[in-house]
Amino acid sequence: MPIYKARSPALPLQPTEYDQSQMNQFQNALRLYFNRLDLFNIANSTPEYGLTANRPTLDLQIGQFYFDTTLGYPIWWNGTVWKNASGTTV
């Protein structure tokens, strides 16, 4: 799986005294940056649900969610195995 890098925004320098227009620019830059990160994560994420046979196996992150439609409940990756809400290995 290719590795993508998300660059941080070039934030405007803040003036020494409070200026609402500068604050608005700063907040807009941050909003655009985090929206871009959200879209990046959605486009490059593993499926959130499916059959047991289709569970993700590559590039798993601790706490990753997957709704197993075969079992009928959500499970989470703990770094080694998939666990359900009660902590039982599935």
Protein backbone atom coordinates (compact mmCIF):
# COMPACT_ATOMS: atom_id res chain seq x y z
CA MET A 1 0.00 0.00 0.00
CA PRO A 2 1.52 3.37 -0.96
CA ILE A 3 2.39 5.82 1.79
CA TYR A 4 0.91 9.28 1.38
CA LYS A 5 2.02 12.38 3.20
CA ALA A 6 -0.35 15.16 4.22
CA ARG A 7 1.37 18.53 4.49
CA SER A 8 0.52 21.02 7.17
CA PRO A 9 -0.92 24.39 6.09
CA ALA A 10 1.10 27.57 5.78
CA LEU A 11 -0.50 29.53 8.61
CA PRO A 12 -0.63 33.33 8.53
CA LEU A 13 1.50 35.18 11.09
CA GLN A 14 -0.52 36.68 13.89
CA PRO A 15 -0.26 40.41 14.65
CA THR A 16 0.86 41.53 18.12
CA GLU A 17 -2.58 43.00 18.89
CA TYR A 18 -5.91 41.25 18.41
CA ASP A 19 -7.37 41.52 14.92
CA GLN A 20 -10.55 39.57 14.08
CA SER A 21 -9.76 39.39 10.35
CA GLN A 22 -6.41 37.71 11.13
CA MET A 23 -8.13 35.27 13.46
CA ASN A 24 -10.67 34.44 10.74
CA GLN A 25 -7.86 33.74 8.24
CA PHE A 26 -6.12 31.51 10.77
CA GLN A 27 -9.30 29.55 11.52
CA ASN A 28 -10.08 29.16 7.81
CA ALA A 29 -6.59 27.79 7.14
CA LEU A 30 -7.00 25.26 9.94
CA ARG A 31 -10.51 24.32 8.79
CA LEU A 32 -9.27 23.68 5.24
CA TYR A 33 -6.35 21.62 6.55
CA PHE A 34 -8.47 19.39 8.79
CA ASN A 35 -11.10 18.95 6.08
CA ARG A 36 -8.32 17.80 3.76
CA LEU A 37 -7.13 15.32 6.41
CA ASP A 38 -10.67 13.99 6.87
CA LEU A 39 -11.04 13.45 3.13
CA PHE A 40 -7.60 11.80 3.00
CA ASN A 41 -8.53 9.39 5.79
CA ILE A 42 -11.85 8.50 4.17
CA ALA A 43 -10.25 7.85 0.79
CA ASN A 44 -7.47 5.69 2.24
CA SER A 45 -9.27 3.81 4.99
CA THR A 46 -10.14 0.15 5.12
CA PRO A 47 -13.79 -0.90 4.90
CA GLU A 48 -15.83 -0.27 8.04
CA TYR A 49 -18.07 -3.33 7.69
CA GLY A 50 -18.33 -6.67 5.92
CA LEU A 51 -18.20 -10.43 6.31
CA THR A 52 -15.81 -12.19 8.67
CA ALA A 53 -13.93 -13.51 5.63
CA ASN A 54 -13.40 -9.92 4.41
CA ARG A 55 -11.91 -8.52 7.62
CA PRO A 56 -8.97 -6.22 7.00
CA THR A 57 -5.58 -7.85 7.56
CA LEU A 58 -3.07 -5.26 6.35
CA ASP A 59 -2.06 -1.88 7.80
CA LEU A 60 -4.27 -2.30 10.87
CA GLN A 61 -4.12 0.32 13.61
CA ILE A 62 -4.84 -0.26 17.29
CA GLY A 63 -8.46 0.63 17.97
CA GLN A 64 -9.51 0.22 14.35
CA PHE A 65 -13.25 -0.43 14.09
CA TYR A 66 -14.91 -3.06 11.89
CA PHE A 67 -18.57 -4.12 11.95
CA ASP A 68 -18.59 -7.84 11.27
CA THR A 69 -21.86 -8.57 9.45
CA THR A 70 -21.39 -12.33 9.89
CA LEU A 71 -21.26 -11.96 13.68
CA GLY A 72 -23.71 -9.05 13.74
CA TYR A 73 -21.70 -6.76 16.05
CA PRO A 74 -18.71 -4.39 15.99
CA ILE A 75 -15.16 -5.50 16.72
CA TRP A 76 -11.89 -3.63 17.31
CA TRP A 77 -8.26 -4.42 16.55
CA ASN A 78 -6.16 -4.41 19.76
CA GLY A 79 -2.80 -4.68 18.01
CA THR A 80 -2.75 -8.49 17.97
CA VAL A 81 -6.30 -9.84 17.53
CA TRP A 82 -9.85 -8.64 16.91
CA LYS A 83 -11.90 -8.11 20.10
CA ASN A 84 -15.59 -7.46 20.70
CA ALA A 85 -17.02 -4.93 23.18
CA SER A 86 -16.71 -7.37 26.10
CA GLY A 87 -13.01 -7.98 25.36
CA THR A 88 -13.50 -11.47 23.96
CA THR A 89 -11.27 -12.47 21.04
CA VAL A 90 -13.28 -13.10 17.87
